[in-house]
C-alpha atoms as a PDB file:
ATOM      1  CA  MET A   1      94.300 121.146 -87.785  1.00  0.00           C
ATOM      2  CA  GLU A   2      97.490 119.873 -89.310  1.00  0.00           C
ATOM      3  CA  LYS A   3      98.867 123.414 -89.408  1.00  0.00           C
ATOM      4  CA  ASN A   4      98.102 123.892 -85.712  1.00  0.00           C
ATOM      5  CA  ILE A   5      99.873 120.641 -84.816  1.00  0.00           C
ATOM      6  CA  VAL A   6     102.939 121.654 -86.848  1.00  0.00           C
ATOM      7  CA  ASN A   7     103.003 125.037 -85.130  1.00  0.00           C
ATOM      8  CA  LEU A   8     102.834 123.392 -81.692  1.00  0.00           C
ATOM      9  CA  HIS A   9     105.779 121.131 -82.558  1.00  0.00           C
ATOM     10  CA  LYS A  10     107.813 124.115 -83.684  1.00  0.00           C
ATOM     11  CA  LYS A  11     107.043 125.999 -80.470  1.00  0.00           C
ATOM     12  CA  HIS A  12     108.039 122.993 -78.367  1.00  0.00           C
ATOM     13  CA  LYS A  13     111.353 122.624 -80.251  1.00  0.00           C
ATOM     14  CA  SER A  14     112.086 126.308 -79.846  1.00  0.00           C
ATOM     15  CA  LYS A  15     111.500 126.045 -76.080  1.00  0.00           C
ATOM     16  CA  LYS A  16     113.885 123.087 -75.870  1.00  0.00           C
ATOM     17  CA  ASN A  17     116.538 125.000 -77.746  1.00  0.00           C
ATOM     18  CA  ILE A  18     116.142 127.989 -75.447  1.00  0.00           C
ATOM     19  CA  HIS A  19     116.447 125.746 -72.391  1.00  0.00           C
ATOM     20  CA  LYS A  20     119.654 124.153 -73.751  1.00  0.00           C
ATOM     21  CA  LYS A  21     121.141 127.561 -74.483  1.00  0.00           C
ATOM     22  CA  THR A  22     120.406 128.785 -70.943  1.00  0.00           C
ATOM     23  CA  LYS A  23     122.054 125.660 -69.507  1.00  0.00           C
ATOM     24  CA  ARG A  24     125.169 126.208 -71.603  1.00  0.00           C
ATOM     25  CA  ALA A  25     125.275 129.842 -70.584  1.00  0.00           C
ATOM     26  CA  SER A  26     125.057 128.962 -66.857  1.00  0.00           C
ATOM     27  CA  LYS A  27     127.857 126.389 -67.269  1.00  0.00           C
ATOM     28  CA  ASN A  28     130.057 128.964 -68.914  1.00  0.00           C
ATOM     29  CA  VAL A  29     129.357 131.453 -66.131  1.00  0.00           C
ATOM     30  CA  GLY A  30     130.289 128.827 -63.462  1.00  0.00           C
ATOM     31  CA  GLU A  31     133.553 128.041 -65.228  1.00  0.00           C
ATOM     32  CA  ILE A  32     134.365 131.728 -65.470  1.00  0.00           C
ATOM     33  CA  GLN A  33     133.717 132.177 -61.751  1.00  0.00           C
ATOM     34  CA  ARG A  34     135.901 129.164 -60.865  1.00  0.00           C
ATOM     35  CA  GLN A  35     138.714 130.431 -63.012  1.00  0.00           C
ATOM     36  CA  SER A  36     138.424 133.844 -61.388  1.00  0.00           C
ATOM     37  CA  ARG A  37     138.714 132.223 -57.934  1.00  0.00           C
ATOM     38  CA  LYS A  38     141.881 130.287 -58.819  1.00  0.00           C
ATOM     39  CA  PRO A  39     145.075 132.298 -58.265  1.00  0.00           C
ATOM     40  CA  SER A  40     147.126 133.151 -61.242  1.00  0.00           C
ATOM     41  CA  GLU A  41     150.526 131.616 -61.934  1.00  0.00           C
ATOM     42  CA  ALA A  42     152.262 134.850 -60.958  1.00  0.00           C
ATOM     43  CA  LEU A  43     150.598 134.832 -57.562  1.00  0.00           C
ATOM     44  CA  LYS A  44     151.491 131.187 -57.089  1.00  0.00           C
ATOM     45  CA  SER A  45     155.146 131.832 -57.765  1.00  0.00           C
ATOM     46  CA  LYS A  46     155.184 134.779 -55.335  1.00  0.00           C
ATOM     47  CA  LEU A  47     153.633 132.675 -52.589  1.00  0.00           C
ATOM     48  CA  GLU A  48     156.123 129.862 -53.150  1.00  0.00           C
ATOM     49  CA  LYS A  49     159.041 132.306 -52.921  1.00  0.00           C
ATOM     50  CA  LYS A  50     157.742 133.717 -49.655  1.00  0.00           C
ATOM     51  CA  MET A  51     157.368 130.243 -48.170  1.00  0.00           C
ATOM     52  CA  THR A  52     160.902 129.240 -49.125  1.00  0.00           C
ATOM     53  CA  LEU A  53     162.288 132.468 -47.618  1.00  0.00           C
ATOM     54  CA  LYS A  54     160.442 131.818 -44.380  1.00  0.00           C
ATOM     55  CA  LYS A  55     161.769 128.259 -44.197  1.00  0.00           C
ATOM     56  CA  GLU A  56     165.337 129.449 -44.764  1.00  0.00           C
ATOM     57  CA  LEU A  57     165.029 132.105 -42.063  1.00  0.00           C
ATOM     58  CA  THR A  58     163.626 129.687 -39.502  1.00  0.00           C
ATOM     59  CA  PHE A  59     166.337 127.139 -40.317  1.00  0.00           C
ATOM     60  CA  LYS A  60     169.060 129.792 -39.829  1.00  0.00           C
ATOM     61  CA  LYS A  61     167.579 130.907 -36.527  1.00  0.00           C
ATOM     62  CA  LYS A  62     167.481 127.334 -35.256  1.00  0.00           C
ATOM     63  CA  ARG A  63     171.116 126.827 -36.209  1.00  0.00           C
ATOM     64  CA  LYS A  64     172.123 129.974 -34.340  1.00  0.00           C
ATOM     65  CA  LEU A  65     170.228 128.918 -31.226  1.00  0.00           C
ATOM     66  CA  LYS A  66     171.782 125.445 -31.280  1.00  0.00           C
ATOM     67  CA  SER A  67     175.268 126.869 -31.647  1.00  0.00           C
ATOM     68  CA  LYS A  68     174.668 129.162 -28.648  1.00  0.00           C
ATOM     69  CA  GLU A  69     173.339 126.338 -26.468  1.00  0.00           C
ATOM     70  CA  VAL A  70     176.145 123.948 -27.350  1.00  0.00           C
ATOM     71  CA  GLY A  71     178.738 126.682 -26.841  1.00  0.00           C
ATOM     72  CA  GLY A  72     179.834 127.570 -30.324  1.00  0.00           C
ATOM     73  CA  HIS A  73     180.231 124.122 -31.834  1.00  0.00           C
ATOM     74  CA  PRO A  74     180.975 123.943 -35.555  1.00  0.00           C
ATOM     75  CA  SER A  75     178.116 123.866 -38.021  1.00  0.00           C
ATOM     76  CA  PRO A  76     176.926 120.535 -39.477  1.00  0.00           C
ATOM     77  CA  ALA A  77     178.760 121.330 -42.709  1.00  0.00           C
ATOM     78  CA  ASN A  78     182.107 121.190 -40.824  1.00  0.00           C
ATOM     79  CA  LEU A  79     181.357 117.949 -39.004  1.00  0.00           C
ATOM     80  CA  ILE A  80     183.256 114.742 -39.809  1.00  0.00           C
ATOM     81  CA  LYS A  81     181.565 112.651 -42.456  1.00  0.00           C
ATOM     82  CA  ASN A  82     184.058 109.859 -43.240  1.00  0.00           C
ATOM     83  CA  PRO A  83     185.070 107.133 -40.734  1.00  0.00           C
ATOM     84  CA  GLU A  84     188.734 107.578 -41.742  1.00  0.00           C
ATOM     85  CA  GLN A  85     188.688 111.202 -40.531  1.00  0.00           C
ATOM     86  CA  CYS A  86     187.126 110.089 -37.255  1.00  0.00           C
ATOM     87  CA  SER A  87     189.769 107.419 -36.571  1.00  0.00           C
ATOM     88  CA  SER A  88     192.657 109.788 -37.331  1.00  0.00           C
ATOM     89  CA  ASN A  89     191.244 112.486 -35.070  1.00  0.00           C
ATOM     90  CA  TRP A  90     190.657 109.970 -32.304  1.00  0.00           C
ATOM     91  CA  LYS A  91     194.290 108.781 -32.456  1.00  0.00           C
ATOM     92  CA  LYS A  92     195.535 112.365 -32.228  1.00  0.00           C
ATOM     93  CA  MET A  93     193.321 113.034 -29.239  1.00  0.00           C
ATOM     94  CA  MET A  94     194.534 109.895 -27.435  1.00  0.00           C
ATOM     95  CA  GLN A  95     198.163 110.903 -27.972  1.00  0.00           C
ATOM     96  CA  THR A  96     197.574 114.365 -26.526  1.00  0.00           C
ATOM     97  CA  MET A  97     195.693 112.908 -23.553  1.00  0.00           C
ATOM     98  CA  GLU A  98     198.533 110.511 -22.748  1.00  0.00           C
ATOM     99  CA  LYS A  99     201.005 113.383 -22.794  1.00  0.00           C
ATOM    100  CA  GLU A 100     198.832 115.568 -20.557  1.00  0.00           C
ATOM    101  CA  LYS A 101     198.115 112.796 -17.979  1.00  0.00           C
ATOM    102  CA  PRO A 102     199.476 113.795 -14.528  1.00  0.00           C
ATOM    103  CA  LYS A 103     201.689 111.292 -12.803  1.00  0.00           C
ATOM    104  CA  THR A 104     199.808 110.049  -9.723  1.00  0.00           C
ATOM    105  CA  PRO A 105     201.810 109.446  -6.548  1.00  0.00           C
ATOM    106  CA  LYS A 106     202.240 105.939  -5.185  1.00  0.00           C
ATOM    107  CA  VAL A 107     200.267 106.678  -2.016  1.00  0.00           C
ATOM    108  CA  ILE A 108     197.055 107.328  -3.986  1.00  0.00           C
ATOM    109  CA  LYS A 109     197.583 104.117  -5.949  1.00  0.00           C
ATOM    110  CA  ARG A 110     197.712 102.146  -2.701  1.00  0.00           C
ATOM    111  CA  HIS A 111     194.454 103.661  -1.522  1.00  0.00           C
ATOM    112  CA  GLN A 112     192.828 102.878  -4.850  1.00  0.00           C
ATOM    113  CA  HIS A 113     194.041  99.292  -4.633  1.00  0.00           C
ATOM    114  CA  LYS A 114     192.521  98.923  -1.170  1.00  0.00           C
ATOM    115  CA  ALA A 115     189.222 100.362  -2.329  1.00  0.00           C
ATOM    116  CA  SER A 116     189.076  97.909  -5.226  1.00  0.00           C
ATOM    117  CA  ASN A 117     189.686  95.015  -2.830  1.00  0.00           C
ATOM    118  CA  VAL A 118     186.796  96.149  -0.681  1.00  0.00           C
ATOM    119  CA  ARG A 119     184.489  96.307  -3.666  1.00  0.00           C
ATOM    120  CA  ASP A 120     185.565  92.894  -4.918  1.00  0.00           C
ATOM    121  CA  ASN A 121     185.118  91.314  -1.461  1.00  0.00           C
ATOM    122  CA  PRO A 122     182.110  92.944   0.182  1.00  0.00           C
ATOM    123  CA  GLN A 123     182.090  90.321   2.962  1.00  0.00           C
ATOM    124  CA  LYS A 124     185.434  91.605   4.290  1.00  0.00           C
ATOM    125  CA  GLU A 125     184.084  95.170   4.665  1.00  0.00           C
ATOM    126  CA  LYS A 126     183.804  96.051   8.349  1.00  0.00           C
ATOM    127  CA  LYS A 127     180.613  97.649   9.662  1.00  0.00           C
ATOM    128  CA  GLU A 128     180.351  99.708  12.821  1.00  0.00           C
ATOM    129  CA  PRO A 129     178.249  98.062  15.534  1.00  0.00           C
ATOM    130  CA  THR A 130     174.763  99.504  16.031  1.00  0.00           C
ATOM    131  CA  ILE A 131     174.034  97.843  19.394  1.00  0.00           C
ATOM    132  CA  TRP A 132     173.617 101.193  21.189  1.00  0.00           C
ATOM    133  CA  PHE A 133     170.593 102.072  19.037  1.00  0.00           C
ATOM    134  CA  ASP A 134     168.790  98.739  19.430  1.00  0.00           C
ATOM    135  CA  ASP A 135     167.009  99.767  22.618  1.00  0.00           C
ATOM    136  CA  VAL A 136     166.340 103.442  21.829  1.00  0.00           C
ATOM    137  CA  ASP A 137     163.017 104.609  20.397  1.00  0.00           C
ATOM    138  CA  ASP A 138     163.212 105.722  16.759  1.00  0.00           C
ATOM    139  CA  ILE A 139     161.391 108.964  17.542  1.00  0.00           C
ATOM    140  CA  TYR A 140     164.197 110.106  19.853  1.00  0.00           C
ATOM    141  CA  ILE A 141     167.326 109.001  17.961  1.00  0.00           C
ATOM    142  CA  ASP A 142     167.769 112.458  16.397  1.00  0.00           C
ATOM    143  CA  THR A 143     166.753 114.484  19.467  1.00  0.00           C
ATOM    144  CA  LEU A 144     168.251 112.383  22.269  1.00  0.00           C
ATOM    145  CA  LYS A 145     169.642 114.699  24.949  1.00  0.00           C
ATOM    146  CA  THR A 146     169.720 112.491  28.047  1.00  0.00           C
ATOM    147  CA  LYS A 147     172.859 111.094  29.624  1.00  0.00           C
ATOM    148  CA  GLU A 148     174.275 107.574  29.815  1.00  0.00           C
ATOM    149  CA  LYS A 149     172.136 106.868  32.864  1.00  0.00           C
ATOM    150  CA  ALA A 150     168.956 107.555  30.899  1.00  0.00           C
ATOM    151  CA  THR A 151     170.059 105.367  27.988  1.00  0.00           C
ATOM    152  CA  ASP A 152     170.847 102.528  30.395  1.00  0.00           C
ATOM    153  CA  ASP A 153     167.357 102.785  31.866  1.00  0.00           C
ATOM    154  CA  ARG A 154     165.804 102.680  28.405  1.00  0.00           C
ATOM    155  CA  LYS A 155     167.319  99.220  27.966  1.00  0.00           C
ATOM    156  CA  HIS A 156     164.333  98.001  29.980  1.00  0.00           C
ATOM    157  CA  ALA A 157     162.279  98.594  26.816  1.00  0.00           C
ATOM    158  CA  ASN A 158     163.658  95.552  25.003  1.00  0.00           C
ATOM    159  CA  ASN A 159     161.838  92.483  23.795  1.00  0.00           C
ATOM    160  CA  ASN A 160     162.580  90.480  26.965  1.00  0.00           C
ATOM    161  CA  ASP A 161     161.099  93.098  29.332  1.00  0.00           C
ATOM    162  CA  PRO A 162     157.695  92.007  30.689  1.00  0.00           C
ATOM    163  CA  LEU A 163     156.726  95.659  31.198  1.00  0.00           C
ATOM    164  CA  VAL A 164     156.979  96.464  27.466  1.00  0.00           C
ATOM    165  CA  LYS A 165     154.824  94.943  24.731  1.00  0.00           C
ATOM    166  CA  GLN A 166     156.918  93.420  21.942  1.00  0.00           C
ATOM    167  CA  ASP A 167     156.879  95.144  18.516  1.00  0.00           C
ATOM    168  CA  SER A 168     154.366  97.702  19.766  1.00  0.00           C
ATOM    169  CA  PHE A 169     153.568 101.269  18.705  1.00  0.00           C
ATOM    170  CA  LYS A 170     156.183 103.773  19.904  1.00  0.00           C
ATOM    171  CA  GLY A 171     154.199 106.995  19.542  1.00  0.00           C
ATOM    172  CA  ASN A 172     151.804 108.825  21.846  1.00  0.00           C
ATOM    173  CA  THR A 173     148.633 107.005  22.938  1.00  0.00           C
ATOM    174  CA  LYS A 174     145.363 107.855  24.730  1.00  0.00           C
ATOM    175  CA  CYS A 175     146.870 106.688  28.035  1.00  0.00           C
ATOM    176  CA  VAL A 176     150.335 107.673  29.249  1.00  0.00           C
ATOM    177  CA  ALA A 177     152.177 106.922  32.496  1.00  0.00           C
ATOM    178  CA  MET A 178     154.513 109.369  34.231  1.00  0.00           C
ATOM    179  CA  ASP A 179     157.057 109.154  37.021  1.00  0.00           C
ATOM    180  CA  CYS A 180     159.448 111.752  38.430  1.00  0.00           C
ATOM    181  CA  GLU A 181     162.690 111.590  40.401  1.00  0.00           C
ATOM    182  CA  MET A 182     163.464 114.350  42.897  1.00  0.00           C
ATOM    183  CA  VAL A 183     166.464 115.751  44.751  1.00  0.00           C
ATOM    184  CA  GLY A 184     166.629 117.618  48.073  1.00  0.00           C
ATOM    185  CA  VAL A 185     167.097 121.370  48.501  1.00  0.00           C
ATOM    186  CA  GLY A 186     167.103 123.661  51.506  1.00  0.00           C
ATOM    187  CA  GLU A 187     168.184 122.758  54.998  1.00  0.00           C
ATOM    188  CA  ASN A 188     169.216 119.090  55.227  1.00  0.00           C
ATOM    189  CA  GLY A 189     167.580 118.496  51.812  1.00  0.00           C
ATOM    190  CA  LYS A 190     164.076 118.285  53.261  1.00  0.00           C
ATOM    191  CA  ASP A 191     162.373 120.063  50.359  1.00  0.00           C
ATOM    192  CA  SER A 192     162.071 118.297  47.004  1.00  0.00           C
ATOM    193  CA  VAL A 193     162.619 119.666  43.500  1.00  0.00           C
ATOM    194  CA  LEU A 194     162.301 117.996  40.107  1.00  0.00           C
ATOM    195  CA  ALA A 195     165.401 116.248  38.742  1.00  0.00           C
ATOM    196  CA  ARG A 196     164.058 113.851  36.102  1.00  0.00           C
ATOM    197  CA  VAL A 197     160.785 113.186  34.254  1.00  0.00           C
ATOM    198  CA  SER A 198     159.887 110.013  32.346  1.00  0.00           C
ATOM    199  CA  ILE A 199     156.719 109.317  30.341  1.00  0.00           C
ATOM    200  CA  VAL A 200     155.765 106.030  28.626  1.00  0.00           C
ATOM    201  CA  ASN A 201     152.829 105.121  26.374  1.00  0.00           C
ATOM    202  CA  GLN A 202     150.241 102.421  27.102  1.00  0.00           C
ATOM    203  CA  PHE A 203     152.541  99.726  25.646  1.00  0.00           C
ATOM    204  CA  GLY A 204     155.467 100.714  27.900  1.00  0.00           C
ATOM    205  CA  GLN A 205     157.442 102.450  25.141  1.00  0.00           C
ATOM    206  CA  CYS A 206     159.382 105.483  26.400  1.00  0.00           C
ATOM    207  CA  LEU A 207     158.042 108.775  25.024  1.00  0.00           C
ATOM    208  CA  TYR A 208     159.950 111.298  27.133  1.00  0.00           C
ATOM    209  CA  ASP A 209     162.926 111.073  29.500  1.00  0.00           C
ATOM    210  CA  GLU A 210     164.791 114.227  30.508  1.00  0.00           C
ATOM    211  CA  TYR A 211     166.935 115.497  33.381  1.00  0.00           C
ATOM    212  CA  VAL A 212     166.075 118.933  34.774  1.00  0.00           C
ATOM    213  CA  LYS A 213     168.385 121.697  35.959  1.00  0.00           C
ATOM    214  CA  SER A 214     167.570 122.793  39.486  1.00  0.00           C
ATOM    215  CA  ARG A 215     166.745 126.450  40.070  1.00  0.00           C
ATOM    216  CA  GLU A 216     167.967 126.155  43.678  1.00  0.00           C
ATOM    217  CA  PRO A 217     171.236 124.830  45.117  1.00  0.00           C
ATOM    218  CA  ILE A 218     170.937 121.076  45.714  1.00  0.00           C
ATOM    219  CA  THR A 219     171.822 119.919  49.217  1.00  0.00           C
ATOM    220  CA  ASP A 220     170.965 116.215  48.836  1.00  0.00           C
ATOM    221  CA  TYR A 221     171.036 114.294  45.545  1.00  0.00           C
ATOM    222  CA  ARG A 222     169.474 111.181  47.178  1.00  0.00           C
ATOM    223  CA  THR A 223     171.557 109.064  44.809  1.00  0.00           C
ATOM    224  CA  HIS A 224     170.950 105.815  46.737  1.00  0.00           C
ATOM    225  CA  VAL A 225     167.208 106.182  45.995  1.00  0.00           C
ATOM    226  CA  SER A 226     166.842 108.480  42.968  1.00  0.00           C
ATOM    227  CA  GLY A 227     169.979 107.448  41.071  1.00  0.00           C
ATOM    228  CA  ILE A 228     170.644 111.148  40.361  1.00  0.00           C
ATOM    229  CA  THR A 229     174.250 112.394  40.382  1.00  0.00           C
ATOM    230  CA  PRO A 230     175.695 115.887  39.776  1.00  0.00           C
ATOM    231  CA  GLU A 231     176.912 114.723  36.341  1.00  0.00           C
ATOM    232  CA  CYS A 232     173.337 113.851  35.337  1.00  0.00           C
ATOM    233  CA  LEU A 233     172.098 117.401  35.917  1.00  0.00           C
ATOM    234  CA  GLU A 234     175.048 119.254  34.348  1.00  0.00           C
ATOM    235  CA  LYS A 235     173.467 119.258  30.878  1.00  0.00           C
ATOM    236  CA  GLY A 236     169.842 118.977  31.989  1.00  0.00           C
ATOM    237  CA  LEU A 237     167.083 121.076  30.437  1.00  0.00           C
ATOM    238  CA  PRO A 238     165.617 124.214  32.051  1.00  0.00           C
ATOM    239  CA  PHE A 239     162.582 123.607  34.268  1.00  0.00           C
ATOM    240  CA  GLU A 240     160.298 125.872  32.188  1.00  0.00           C
ATOM    241  CA  GLN A 241     161.074 123.964  28.976  1.00  0.00           C
ATOM    242  CA  VAL A 242     160.442 120.567  30.589  1.00  0.00           C
ATOM    243  CA  GLN A 243     157.211 121.832  32.154  1.00  0.00           C
ATOM    244  CA  LYS A 244     155.879 122.985  28.760  1.00  0.00           C
ATOM    245  CA  GLU A 245     156.881 119.775  26.955  1.00  0.00           C
ATOM    246  CA  VAL A 246     155.333 117.535  29.632  1.00  0.00           C
ATOM    247  CA  SER A 247     152.140 119.611  29.678  1.00  0.00           C
ATOM    248  CA  ALA A 248     151.818 119.238  25.885  1.00  0.00           C
ATOM    249  CA  ILE A 249     152.176 115.434  26.102  1.00  0.00           C
ATOM    250  CA  LEU A 250     149.643 115.062  28.949  1.00  0.00           C
ATOM    251  CA  GLU A 251     146.991 117.350  27.497  1.00  0.00           C
ATOM    252  CA  GLY A 252     143.694 115.524  26.856  1.00  0.00           C
ATOM    253  CA  ARG A 253     145.087 112.099  27.844  1.00  0.00           C
ATOM    254  CA  ILE A 254     144.491 109.639  30.681  1.00  0.00           C
ATOM    255  CA  LEU A 255     147.406 109.955  33.117  1.00  0.00           C
ATOM    256  CA  VAL A 256     148.579 106.816  34.943  1.00  0.00           C
ATOM    257  CA  GLY A 257     151.089 106.696  37.775  1.00  0.00           C
ATOM    258  CA  HIS A 258     151.829 105.850  41.399  1.00  0.00           C
ATOM    259  CA  ALA A 259     151.283 108.708  43.877  1.00  0.00           C
ATOM    260  CA  LEU A 260     150.718 111.137  41.020  1.00  0.00           C
ATOM    261  CA  HIS A 261     149.920 114.050  43.339  1.00  0.00           C
ATOM    262  CA  ASN A 262     153.646 114.265  44.216  1.00  0.00           C
ATOM    263  CA  ASP A 263     154.723 114.284  40.559  1.00  0.00           C
ATOM    264  CA  LEU A 264     152.180 116.935  39.530  1.00  0.00           C
ATOM    265  CA  GLN A 265     153.057 119.056  42.558  1.00  0.00           C
ATOM    266  CA  VAL A 266     156.776 119.110  41.785  1.00  0.00           C
ATOM    267  CA  LEU A 267     155.992 119.978  38.126  1.00  0.00           C
ATOM    268  CA  TYR A 268     153.554 122.740  39.157  1.00  0.00           C
ATOM    269  CA  LEU A 269     150.941 121.184  36.877  1.00  0.00           C
ATOM    270  CA  SER A 270     147.331 120.122  37.299  1.00  0.00           C
ATOM    271  CA  HIS A 271     145.342 117.427  35.509  1.00  0.00           C
ATOM    272  CA  PRO A 272     141.574 116.726  35.373  1.00  0.00           C
ATOM    273  CA  ARG A 273     140.583 114.350  38.164  1.00  0.00           C
ATOM    274  CA  LYS A 274     138.449 112.274  35.775  1.00  0.00           C
ATOM    275  CA  LYS A 275     141.541 111.491  33.708  1.00  0.00           C
ATOM    276  CA  ILE A 276     143.843 110.394  36.551  1.00  0.00           C
ATOM    277  CA  ARG A 277     144.439 106.681  37.256  1.00  0.00           C
ATOM    278  CA  ASP A 278     146.555 106.399  40.413  1.00  0.00           C
ATOM    279  CA  THR A 279     147.632 102.865  41.339  1.00  0.00           C
ATOM    280  CA  LEU A 280     148.239 104.048  44.914  1.00  0.00           C
ATOM    281  CA  LYS A 281     144.555 104.941  45.401  1.00  0.00           C
ATOM    282  CA  TYR A 282     142.913 102.057  43.519  1.00  0.00           C
ATOM    283  CA  LYS A 283     140.883 100.234  46.194  1.00  0.00           C
ATOM    284  CA  PRO A 284     141.297  96.662  44.875  1.00  0.00           C
ATOM    285  CA  PHE A 285     145.085  97.137  45.052  1.00  0.00           C
ATOM    286  CA  ARG A 286     144.840  98.550  48.592  1.00  0.00           C
ATOM    287  CA  LYS A 287     142.689  95.586  49.670  1.00  0.00           C
ATOM    288  CA  LEU A 288     145.644  93.312  48.965  1.00  0.00           C
ATOM    289  CA  PHE A 289     147.576  95.180  51.681  1.00  0.00           C
ATOM    290  CA  SER A 290     144.783  95.363  54.270  1.00  0.00           C
ATOM    291  CA  GLY A 291     143.619  98.802  53.143  1.00  0.00           C
ATOM    292  CA  ARG A 292     147.064 100.422  53.412  1.00  0.00           C
ATOM    293  CA  ASN A 293     148.766 102.383  50.647  1.00  0.00           C
ATOM    294  CA  PRO A 294     150.972  99.868  48.808  1.00  0.00           C
ATOM    295  CA  SER A 295     154.414 100.763  47.512  1.00  0.00           C
ATOM    296  CA  LEU A 296     154.986 100.369  43.782  1.00  0.00           C
ATOM    297  CA  LYS A 297     157.756  97.860  44.473  1.00  0.00           C
ATOM    298  CA  LYS A 298     155.520  95.526  46.514  1.00  0.00           C
ATOM    299  CA  LEU A 299     152.516  96.022  44.253  1.00  0.00           C
ATOM    300  CA  SER A 300     154.379  95.117  41.057  1.00  0.00           C
ATOM    301  CA  GLU A 301     156.050  92.155  42.747  1.00  0.00           C
ATOM    302  CA  GLN A 302     152.758  90.739  44.061  1.00  0.00           C
ATOM    303  CA  VAL A 303     150.441  91.544  41.120  1.00  0.00           C
ATOM    304  CA  LEU A 304     152.813  91.498  38.132  1.00  0.00           C
ATOM    305  CA  ASN A 305     155.472  89.158  39.536  1.00  0.00           C
ATOM    306  CA  VAL A 306     158.062  91.710  38.391  1.00  0.00           C
ATOM    307  CA  LYS A 307     160.782  93.157  40.624  1.00  0.00           C
ATOM    308  CA  VAL A 308     161.383  96.901  40.341  1.00  0.00           C
ATOM    309  CA  GLN A 309     163.356  99.502  42.316  1.00  0.00           C
ATOM    310  CA  GLU A 310     166.171  97.104  43.114  1.00  0.00           C
ATOM    311  CA  GLY A 311     168.817  99.535  44.319  1.00  0.00           C
ATOM    312  CA  GLU A 312     168.569 102.920  42.591  1.00  0.00           C
ATOM    313  CA  HIS A 313     165.158 103.896  41.240  1.00  0.00           C
ATOM    314  CA  SER A 314     164.487 104.298  37.521  1.00  0.00           C
ATOM    315  CA  SER A 315     161.656 106.661  36.638  1.00  0.00           C
ATOM    316  CA  VAL A 316     161.226 104.919  33.258  1.00  0.00           C
ATOM    317  CA  GLN A 317     160.788 101.507  34.890  1.00  0.00           C
ATOM    318  CA  ASP A 318     158.438 102.900  37.559  1.00  0.00           C
ATOM    319  CA  ALA A 319     156.227 104.473  34.876  1.00  0.00           C
ATOM    320  CA  GLN A 320     156.200 101.190  32.931  1.00  0.00           C
ATOM    321  CA  ALA A 321     155.190  99.226  36.054  1.00  0.00           C
ATOM    322  CA  ALA A 322     152.337 101.639  36.834  1.00  0.00           C
ATOM    323  CA  MET A 323     151.080 101.419  33.244  1.00  0.00           C
ATOM    324  CA  ARG A 324     151.205  97.609  33.266  1.00  0.00           C
ATOM    325  CA  LEU A 325     149.177  97.526  36.505  1.00  0.00           C
ATOM    326  CA  TYR A 326     146.570  99.770  34.899  1.00  0.00           C
ATOM    327  CA  THR A 327     146.350  97.917  31.561  1.00  0.00           C
ATOM    328  CA  MET A 328     146.036  94.559  33.351  1.00  0.00           C
ATOM    329  CA  TYR A 329     142.835  95.730  35.089  1.00  0.00           C
ATOM    330  CA  ARG A 330     141.820  98.480  32.705  1.00  0.00           C
ATOM    331  CA  GLN A 331     138.386  97.155  31.711  1.00  0.00           C
ATOM    332  CA  ARG A 332     137.385  96.516  35.299  1.00  0.00           C
ATOM    333  CA  TRP A 333     138.817  99.850  36.494  1.00  0.00           C
ATOM    334  CA  GLU A 334     136.975 101.861  33.845  1.00  0.00           C
ATOM    335  CA  LYS A 335     133.731  99.966  34.432  1.00  0.00           C
ATOM    336  CA  GLU A 336     133.873 100.670  38.174  1.00  0.00           C
ATOM    337  CA  LEU A 337     134.483 104.351  37.515  1.00  0.00           C
ATOM    338  CA  LYS A 338     131.528 104.428  35.129  1.00  0.00           C
ATOM    339  CA  ASP A 339     129.111 102.585  37.397  1.00  0.00           C
ATOM    340  CA  HIS A 340     130.308 104.188  40.673  1.00  0.00           C
ATOM    341  CA  THR A 341     130.269 100.813  42.401  1.00  0.00           C
ATOM    342  CA  PHE A 342     133.474 101.061  44.456  1.00  0.00           C
ATOM    343  CA  GLY A 343     133.144  99.113  47.681  1.00  0.00           C
ATOM    344  CA  LYS A 344     129.560  97.888  47.036  1.00  0.00           C
ATOM    345  CA  SER A 345     130.406  94.201  46.927  1.00  0.00           C
ATOM    346  CA  LYS A 346     133.473  92.229  47.936  1.00  0.00           C
ATOM    347  CA  ALA A 347     133.291  90.164  44.770  1.00  0.00           C
ATOM    348  CA  LYS A 348     133.781  93.248  42.628  1.00  0.00           C
ATOM    349  CA  ALA A 349     136.184  95.089  44.912  1.00  0.00           C
ATOM    350  CA  ASP A 350     138.595  92.285  45.800  1.00  0.00           C
ATOM    351  CA  ILE A 351     141.164  90.858  43.420  1.00  0.00           C
ATOM    352  CA  SER A 352     141.065  87.084  43.357  1.00  0.00           C
ATOM    353  CA  LYS A 353     144.230  85.052  43.516  1.00  0.00           C
ATOM    354  CA  SER A 354     143.576  83.741  40.001  1.00  0.00           C
ATOM    355  CA  ASP A 355     143.840  87.301  38.632  1.00  0.00           C
ATOM    356  CA  ILE A 356     147.329  87.798  40.053  1.00  0.00           C
ATOM    357  CA  ALA A 357     150.146  86.957  37.630  1.00  0.00           C
ATOM    358  CA  THR A 358     152.189  83.934  38.569  1.00  0.00           C
END
């Protein structure tokens, strides 16, 4: 038994020794593999040389590019390093600049002196008056082609005008009002042709105002009524151009005016009946004049308490008056059109005295 136990101990020790030897062998193999993976010193030196060469090449290329961009400036090695060199070079440069300075004439010096005074005293600087532009719509400042007569008529669109809403929108709106001025052609000027077109938006702001060249010889300018003179039509626009521009503005919009059938006829245009609001044909307005067709002058004076057409007519002012008459009774007008209740009851058809502006 003792021999067997001794033999077992020996076997166990031998196994331990074998296991230790295998471990050592595996460690040695791992170290050998790691050493084989590491680059040799010769390879390292070669790689370092290549990297340095690459850096030098890239640095040289950058220097060349910089010198080309700057326009052949000296390399950094030639630049000034000491402050003494800088000061001496600066003095030399100042001397050369003083020598090369051109002698300026006295006239230029006077102008320069005046300019400096203006800068020092900005309150003394004179500004051109801009009164002419105060009453002109911003949209038409660049494309204004009408004459002095048209600009005078646009002065109705100021803040004190009861026919124009203060600080209102100046562009196109759903409702527009139009009025035309005509001149006579043919024998004794009996026939009428278009001479001027004016369109305003629902706030009374002027959208369009142009004179029109006549395609026929004019025999009667009707200046006492229309305010048209030969000078007004000298630089007027061709009829075809005005017709297209007016048609584009009116398209799809409610058209307001007084006796609009005359204006559309002279323009050779048509407009949907549902979208026409004629102050001449509105029954409540006619009731005020015992069923007769009222003139725009009397209608605006009685309903709006505004005098228009004093002397020569203004198509801008007439369009503004028609629009104001419509907007004053717009809700009622549109409701009556919708309900088809014209003339059913006196209470709805007649305008009470309290409605009339005082």
